[in-house]
Amino acid sequence: MVKHGRIEFKASNEKLASKTLFEMVKSYWVSQSVYIAAKLGIADLLKAGPKNIDDLADATGTHRRSLYRLMRALASVGVFAEEKNGRFRLTPVGECLQSGVPDSMRAMAIMHGEQHYEAWGNLLYSVKTGETAFKHVFGEEFFQFLAQNPEAAKTFDESMTNRSSMVNAAVVGAYDFPKASKIVDVGGGRGGLVVSILKANPSIRGILFDLPRVVQGAESFIKAEGVADRCELIAGDFFDAVPSGADLYILSGILHDWDDDRAVKILKNCDRAMPHHGKILVIAMVIPEDNEPFYGKFHDLQMMVVTGGRDRTEKEYRELFASGGLKLTNIFSTPSSVSLIEGV
């Protein structure tokens, strides 16, 4: 069961232990069913109102009875609702599977239902070898795979954009950004975070820095959000260098993608680029050193399986910063699962 953004699988008594474990074991039934609904675009088809199974099967090119069984199962967990007349309609949960809506989870569901699902099927390989299951399955590292597969890259970019939109407001409200006059969002994707910061702080100028294909896709979004006059787009690779001269270098959801050696290289490049008064702000989950449920403990496995990176504890972040020639000065909590890790 998922509770308030935390993964929580605790039996309240011994009688519930077997049932709790059973729920864990079969949880992929739900996630894969959600993936198929996302892939077929069911939520988009229901946007205008309820539809019967015949119409949905015709629109998706699927087997009527099999699609009905899928829809019935998803309705039983609240993704859709089955009406008495046999038609299906959206629920608030199902609305999040629509394309192009705030907090859309469609791209996320597709990404996790395809290559990530295959990689997780080889979790044992990662546990035994310490190597990424993704590379074992697909023959190349995750980001190399994206570079060769534009459709998968598009889904990944959309997924990351939607994920960041869930935490951007929490981040903007948790840090004193006005102290900086110029910021660089390193590996900032389509620009959701830097746009949120610039909108909330009219005196700040920003740079969105990412790979050429990503920056190209961000240009229209930056213009549409009305901050193009204060946000410069620069293409490059943060393993080579990052733009120089800013007061604040932001790494949101970046360091967890990489092992310690490559994460240190990114930090060192930021340190070289910033002036003596500059700061680094890492936005990431900080794993607590206790046995309490925390989403980041399973996200850490996602990094192990897919990218070869890792989520880290406070102690591990302090050591990582020190290896990069930096000192961790503050950790600010937010209303979301991520923290703001500041360094100089």
Protein backbone atom coordinates (compact mmCIF):
# COMPACT_ATOMS: atom_id res chain seq x y z
CA MET A 1 0.00 0.00 0.00
CA VAL A 2 1.22 3.54 -0.72
CA LYS A 3 0.57 6.13 1.98
CA HIS A 4 1.15 9.88 1.64
CA GLY A 5 3.99 9.43 -0.86
CA ARG A 6 5.70 6.79 1.27
CA ILE A 7 5.94 3.11 0.50
CA GLU A 8 4.49 1.43 3.54
CA PHE A 9 4.13 -2.33 3.78
CA LYS A 10 3.71 -2.95 7.51
CA ALA A 11 1.40 -5.56 8.93
CA SER A 12 -0.45 -4.41 12.03
CA ASN A 13 -0.40 -7.90 13.51
CA GLU A 14 0.82 -11.39 12.74
CA LYS A 15 -2.51 -12.40 11.17
CA LEU A 16 -2.02 -9.78 8.49
CA ALA A 17 1.59 -10.73 7.70
CA SER A 18 0.78 -13.22 4.95
CA LYS A 19 -1.79 -10.91 3.36
CA THR A 20 0.67 -8.00 3.46
CA LEU A 21 3.35 -10.04 1.71
CA PHE A 22 0.82 -11.25 -0.85
CA GLU A 23 -0.07 -7.63 -1.69
CA MET A 24 3.63 -6.87 -2.20
CA VAL A 25 4.20 -9.85 -4.47
CA LYS A 26 1.33 -9.12 -6.82
CA SER A 27 1.66 -5.33 -6.92
CA TYR A 28 3.00 -5.48 -10.48
CA TRP A 29 -0.45 -6.64 -11.63
CA VAL A 30 -1.72 -3.13 -11.01
CA SER A 31 1.31 -1.25 -12.37
CA GLN A 32 1.33 -3.21 -15.62
CA SER A 33 -2.42 -2.76 -16.05
CA VAL A 34 -1.99 0.99 -15.58
CA TYR A 35 0.80 0.92 -18.16
CA ILE A 36 -1.42 -0.74 -20.77
CA ALA A 37 -4.19 1.79 -20.16
CA ALA A 38 -1.63 4.59 -20.57
CA LYS A 39 -0.14 3.06 -23.72
CA LEU A 40 -3.60 2.67 -25.29
CA GLY A 41 -4.53 6.24 -24.40
CA ILE A 42 -7.72 5.17 -22.61
CA ALA A 43 -7.88 8.28 -20.42
CA ASP A 44 -7.67 10.56 -23.45
CA LEU A 45 -10.55 8.66 -25.05
CA LEU A 46 -12.68 9.17 -21.92
CA LYS A 47 -11.87 12.87 -21.59
CA ALA A 48 -15.08 13.94 -23.35
CA GLY A 49 -17.23 11.62 -21.23
CA PRO A 50 -18.08 7.97 -20.49
CA LYS A 51 -17.79 5.37 -23.25
CA ASN A 52 -18.89 1.77 -23.62
CA ILE A 53 -16.41 -1.03 -24.12
CA ASP A 54 -17.25 -1.47 -27.80
CA ASP A 55 -16.28 2.12 -28.57
CA LEU A 56 -13.09 1.82 -26.54
CA ALA A 57 -12.13 -1.46 -28.22
CA ASP A 58 -12.75 -0.01 -31.69
CA ALA A 59 -10.73 3.12 -30.91
CA THR A 60 -7.77 1.17 -29.51
CA GLY A 61 -7.82 -1.81 -31.87
CA THR A 62 -8.11 -4.26 -29.00
CA HIS A 63 -10.06 -7.44 -28.21
CA ARG A 64 -13.37 -6.34 -26.70
CA ARG A 65 -13.66 -8.91 -23.92
CA SER A 66 -10.00 -8.66 -22.93
CA LEU A 67 -10.17 -4.87 -22.80
CA TYR A 68 -13.27 -5.10 -20.65
CA ARG A 69 -11.44 -7.33 -18.17
CA LEU A 70 -8.59 -4.81 -18.01
CA MET A 71 -10.99 -1.91 -17.48
CA ARG A 72 -12.96 -3.81 -14.85
CA ALA A 73 -9.78 -4.55 -12.90
CA LEU A 74 -8.60 -0.95 -13.05
CA ALA A 75 -12.04 0.27 -12.03
CA SER A 76 -11.81 -1.93 -8.95
CA VAL A 77 -8.78 0.06 -7.73
CA GLY A 78 -10.17 3.47 -8.63
CA VAL A 79 -8.34 4.27 -11.86
CA PHE A 80 -11.62 4.24 -13.81
CA ALA A 81 -15.25 3.79 -12.77
CA GLU A 82 -17.73 1.34 -14.31
CA GLU A 83 -21.27 2.67 -14.51
CA LYS A 84 -24.41 0.56 -14.28
CA ASN A 85 -25.03 0.85 -18.01
CA GLY A 86 -21.66 -0.78 -18.73
CA ARG A 87 -19.88 2.40 -19.67
CA PHE A 88 -16.57 3.51 -18.17
CA ARG A 89 -15.64 7.01 -17.03
CA LEU A 90 -12.63 8.78 -15.61
CA THR A 91 -11.94 9.18 -11.91
CA PRO A 92 -9.59 11.80 -10.41
CA VAL A 93 -6.87 9.13 -10.49
CA GLY A 94 -7.60 8.23 -14.10
CA GLU A 95 -7.49 11.88 -15.12
CA CYS A 96 -3.77 11.82 -14.32
CA LEU A 97 -3.31 9.33 -17.18
CA GLN A 98 -4.42 11.93 -19.74
CA SER A 99 -1.86 13.53 -22.02
CA GLY A 100 -0.94 17.17 -21.60
CA VAL A 101 -2.62 17.84 -18.27
CA PRO A 102 -0.96 19.17 -15.10
CA ASP A 103 0.55 16.32 -13.07
CA SER A 104 0.06 13.86 -15.95
CA MET A 105 1.47 10.43 -15.15
CA ARG A 106 0.96 8.95 -18.61
CA ALA A 107 4.60 9.21 -19.72
CA MET A 108 5.76 7.95 -16.32
CA ALA A 109 3.48 4.91 -16.57
CA ILE A 110 4.71 4.12 -20.08
CA MET A 111 8.38 4.54 -19.17
CA HIS A 112 8.11 2.26 -16.15
CA GLY A 113 5.99 -0.27 -18.01
CA GLU A 114 8.44 -0.76 -20.85
CA GLN A 115 12.26 -0.72 -20.61
CA HIS A 116 12.31 -0.12 -16.86
CA TYR A 117 10.00 -3.09 -16.28
CA GLU A 118 12.28 -5.34 -18.32
CA ALA A 119 15.32 -4.10 -16.39
CA TRP A 120 13.62 -4.70 -13.03
CA GLY A 121 12.99 -8.27 -14.13
CA ASN A 122 16.75 -8.65 -13.86
CA LEU A 123 17.17 -7.08 -10.41
CA LEU A 124 18.91 -10.26 -9.29
CA TYR A 125 21.68 -9.57 -11.81
CA SER A 126 22.36 -6.17 -10.21
CA VAL A 127 22.29 -7.62 -6.70
CA LYS A 128 24.73 -10.38 -7.64
CA THR A 129 27.15 -8.36 -9.77
CA GLY A 130 26.84 -4.72 -8.71
CA GLU A 131 26.27 -3.83 -12.37
CA THR A 132 23.18 -2.26 -13.94
CA ALA A 133 20.48 -4.65 -15.04
CA PHE A 134 19.47 -2.19 -17.77
CA LYS A 135 22.80 -2.53 -19.55
CA HIS A 136 22.68 -6.30 -19.07
CA VAL A 137 19.28 -6.44 -20.82
CA PHE A 138 19.69 -3.79 -23.53
CA GLY A 139 23.42 -3.92 -24.17
CA GLU A 140 24.10 -0.25 -23.42
CA GLU A 141 23.76 2.22 -20.58
CA PHE A 142 20.41 3.92 -20.06
CA PHE A 143 21.37 7.37 -21.34
CA GLN A 144 23.15 5.84 -24.34
CA PHE A 145 19.95 3.93 -25.07
CA LEU A 146 17.95 7.17 -24.98
CA ALA A 147 20.36 8.82 -27.41
CA GLN A 148 19.68 6.01 -29.90
CA ASN A 149 15.93 5.75 -29.34
CA PRO A 150 14.12 9.06 -29.88
CA GLU A 151 10.68 7.78 -28.86
CA ALA A 152 11.99 6.44 -25.55
CA ALA A 153 13.88 9.71 -25.04
CA LYS A 154 10.70 11.70 -25.64
CA THR A 155 8.82 9.60 -23.10
CA PHE A 156 11.65 10.01 -20.58
CA ASP A 157 11.75 13.79 -21.06
CA GLU A 158 7.98 14.07 -20.60
CA SER A 159 8.13 11.84 -17.55
CA MET A 160 10.85 13.95 -15.92
CA THR A 161 8.98 17.16 -16.74
CA ASN A 162 5.82 15.84 -15.11
CA ARG A 163 7.75 14.55 -12.09
CA SER A 164 9.50 17.88 -11.55
CA SER A 165 6.20 19.75 -11.72
CA MET A 166 5.13 17.82 -8.62
CA VAL A 167 7.98 19.24 -6.51
CA ASN A 168 8.81 22.60 -8.10
CA ALA A 169 6.45 24.64 -5.93
CA ALA A 170 7.80 22.95 -2.80
CA VAL A 171 11.38 23.72 -3.87
CA VAL A 172 10.71 27.37 -4.73
CA GLY A 173 9.10 27.97 -1.35
CA ALA A 174 11.84 26.26 0.66
CA TYR A 175 14.93 28.23 -0.36
CA ASP A 176 16.03 31.86 -0.37
CA PHE A 177 16.57 32.21 -4.13
CA PRO A 178 16.51 36.05 -4.16
CA LYS A 179 20.03 36.07 -2.71
CA ALA A 180 21.25 34.97 -6.16
CA SER A 181 21.23 37.26 -9.17
CA LYS A 182 22.02 34.54 -11.70
CA ILE A 183 21.34 30.81 -11.53
CA VAL A 184 22.21 27.84 -13.71
CA ASP A 185 19.88 24.84 -13.80
CA VAL A 186 22.38 22.12 -14.68
CA GLY A 187 20.71 19.27 -16.54
CA GLY A 188 17.46 21.20 -16.18
CA GLY A 189 15.46 19.31 -18.79
CA ARG A 190 12.57 21.20 -20.37
CA GLY A 191 12.98 24.05 -17.87
CA GLY A 192 10.14 23.54 -15.41
CA LEU A 193 12.21 24.33 -12.33
CA VAL A 194 14.10 27.33 -13.66
CA VAL A 195 10.83 28.80 -14.97
CA SER A 196 9.21 28.36 -11.55
CA ILE A 197 12.16 30.10 -9.86
CA LEU A 198 12.25 32.98 -12.35
CA LYS A 199 8.50 33.57 -12.13
CA ALA A 200 8.69 33.74 -8.34
CA ASN A 201 11.78 35.99 -8.40
CA PRO A 202 11.59 38.70 -11.10
CA SER A 203 15.07 40.05 -10.35
CA ILE A 204 16.86 36.76 -11.10
CA ARG A 205 18.31 35.75 -14.46
CA GLY A 206 18.72 32.11 -15.35
CA ILE A 207 20.49 29.66 -17.63
CA LEU A 208 18.98 26.35 -18.64
CA PHE A 209 21.82 23.95 -19.41
CA ASP A 210 21.31 20.49 -20.87
CA LEU A 211 22.08 18.28 -23.86
CA PRO A 212 21.34 19.78 -27.30
CA ARG A 213 18.24 17.63 -27.96
CA VAL A 214 16.78 18.60 -24.59
CA VAL A 215 17.49 22.32 -24.87
CA GLN A 216 15.97 22.38 -28.35
CA GLY A 217 12.75 20.91 -26.94
CA ALA A 218 12.70 23.46 -24.10
CA GLU A 219 12.78 26.61 -26.21
CA SER A 220 9.05 26.80 -26.96
CA PHE A 221 8.16 26.13 -23.30
CA ILE A 222 10.44 28.92 -22.03
CA LYS A 223 8.88 31.36 -24.50
CA ALA A 224 5.34 30.29 -23.66
CA GLU A 225 6.00 30.84 -19.95
CA GLY A 226 7.06 34.45 -20.59
CA VAL A 227 10.61 34.27 -19.19
CA ALA A 228 12.62 34.02 -22.42
CA ASP A 229 14.07 37.50 -21.82
CA ARG A 230 15.62 36.32 -18.52
CA CYS A 231 16.45 32.70 -19.36
CA GLU A 232 19.33 31.79 -21.64
CA LEU A 233 19.43 28.30 -23.16
CA ILE A 234 22.86 26.72 -23.45
CA ALA A 235 23.57 23.23 -24.81
CA GLY A 236 26.40 21.11 -23.52
CA ASP A 237 27.48 18.13 -21.44
CA PHE A 238 27.95 18.58 -17.69
CA PHE A 239 30.71 15.97 -17.75
CA ASP A 240 32.78 18.36 -19.89
CA ALA A 241 31.97 21.79 -18.41
CA VAL A 242 29.08 23.98 -17.27
CA PRO A 243 28.41 27.71 -17.92
CA SER A 244 30.52 29.96 -15.71
CA GLY A 245 29.84 33.00 -13.57
CA ALA A 246 26.52 32.28 -11.87
CA ASP A 247 25.82 32.72 -8.15
CA LEU A 248 23.93 29.45 -7.78
CA TYR A 249 24.29 26.10 -9.56
CA ILE A 250 21.26 23.85 -9.25
CA LEU A 251 21.44 20.08 -9.71
CA SER A 252 17.89 18.76 -9.49
CA GLY A 253 17.51 15.01 -9.83
CA ILE A 254 20.97 14.73 -11.39
CA LEU A 255 23.49 13.27 -8.95
CA HIS A 256 21.36 10.25 -8.11
CA ASP A 257 21.69 9.10 -11.73
CA TRP A 258 25.42 8.53 -11.37
CA ASP A 259 27.96 6.57 -9.37
CA ASP A 260 30.24 8.46 -7.00
CA ASP A 261 33.07 8.99 -9.51
CA ARG A 262 30.83 10.58 -12.13
CA ALA A 263 28.83 12.53 -9.55
CA VAL A 264 32.08 14.00 -8.22
CA LYS A 265 33.06 15.00 -11.75
CA ILE A 266 29.81 16.98 -12.11
CA LEU A 267 30.36 18.70 -8.77
CA LYS A 268 33.95 19.60 -9.67
CA ASN A 269 32.82 21.12 -12.97
CA CYS A 270 30.28 23.25 -11.10
CA ASP A 271 32.91 24.28 -8.56
CA ARG A 272 35.28 25.38 -11.34
CA ALA A 273 32.56 27.42 -13.02
CA MET A 274 31.25 29.36 -10.03
CA PRO A 275 32.82 32.45 -8.43
CA HIS A 276 34.21 32.36 -4.90
CA HIS A 277 30.89 33.48 -3.43
CA GLY A 278 28.89 30.93 -5.46
CA LYS A 279 26.85 28.04 -4.10
CA ILE A 280 25.63 24.66 -5.27
CA LEU A 281 22.13 23.44 -4.56
CA VAL A 282 21.46 19.73 -5.01
CA ILE A 283 17.79 18.77 -5.05
CA ALA A 284 17.44 15.13 -4.12
CA MET A 285 16.02 12.69 -1.64
CA VAL A 286 18.18 12.16 1.43
CA ILE A 287 17.77 8.63 2.74
CA PRO A 288 17.21 8.53 6.49
CA GLU A 289 19.43 6.19 8.44
CA ASP A 290 16.64 4.30 10.17
CA ASN A 291 14.20 1.52 9.36
CA GLU A 292 11.19 3.74 8.70
CA PRO A 293 9.36 3.56 5.35
CA PHE A 294 10.76 6.04 2.84
CA TYR A 295 10.13 6.19 -0.91
CA GLY A 296 13.79 6.95 -1.59
CA LYS A 297 14.91 3.53 -0.38
CA PHE A 298 13.12 1.89 -3.29
CA HIS A 299 14.02 4.71 -5.68
CA ASP A 300 17.62 3.87 -4.80
CA LEU A 301 17.01 0.38 -6.22
CA GLN A 302 15.61 2.01 -9.37
CA MET A 303 18.91 3.83 -9.75
CA MET A 304 20.87 0.64 -9.15
CA VAL A 305 18.89 -1.25 -11.78
CA VAL A 306 18.56 1.41 -14.49
CA THR A 307 21.32 4.03 -14.37
CA GLY A 308 24.00 2.67 -12.05
CA GLY A 309 23.53 5.64 -9.73
CA ARG A 310 22.27 5.80 -6.18
CA ASP A 311 20.30 7.82 -3.67
CA ARG A 312 22.38 8.82 -0.66
CA THR A 313 22.26 9.50 3.07
CA GLU A 314 23.34 12.82 4.58
CA LYS A 315 26.70 11.28 5.51
CA GLU A 316 27.21 10.06 1.95
CA TYR A 317 26.35 13.48 0.53
CA ARG A 318 28.85 15.14 2.87
CA GLU A 319 31.53 12.74 1.68
CA LEU A 320 30.53 13.28 -1.96
CA PHE A 321 30.72 17.06 -1.62
CA ALA A 322 34.12 16.82 0.05
CA SER A 323 35.42 14.64 -2.80
CA GLY A 324 34.25 17.34 -5.20
CA GLY A 325 36.14 20.06 -3.34
CA LEU A 326 33.01 21.44 -1.68
CA LYS A 327 31.60 21.70 1.81
CA LEU A 328 28.00 20.77 2.56
CA THR A 329 26.63 23.69 4.57
CA ASN A 330 22.87 23.14 4.91
CA ILE A 331 20.09 20.67 4.21
CA PHE A 332 16.63 22.20 3.88
CA SER A 333 13.54 20.03 4.02
CA THR A 334 10.54 20.62 1.74
CA PRO A 335 6.89 19.51 1.87
CA SER A 336 7.77 16.91 -0.78
CA SER A 337 10.08 13.89 -0.62
CA VAL A 338 13.13 15.87 -1.78
CA SER A 339 15.51 18.00 0.25
CA LEU A 340 17.68 20.95 -0.76
CA ILE A 341 21.35 20.23 -0.14
CA GLU A 342 23.47 23.39 -0.16
CA GLY A 343 27.21 23.51 -0.59
CA VAL A 344 30.05 26.00 -1.08
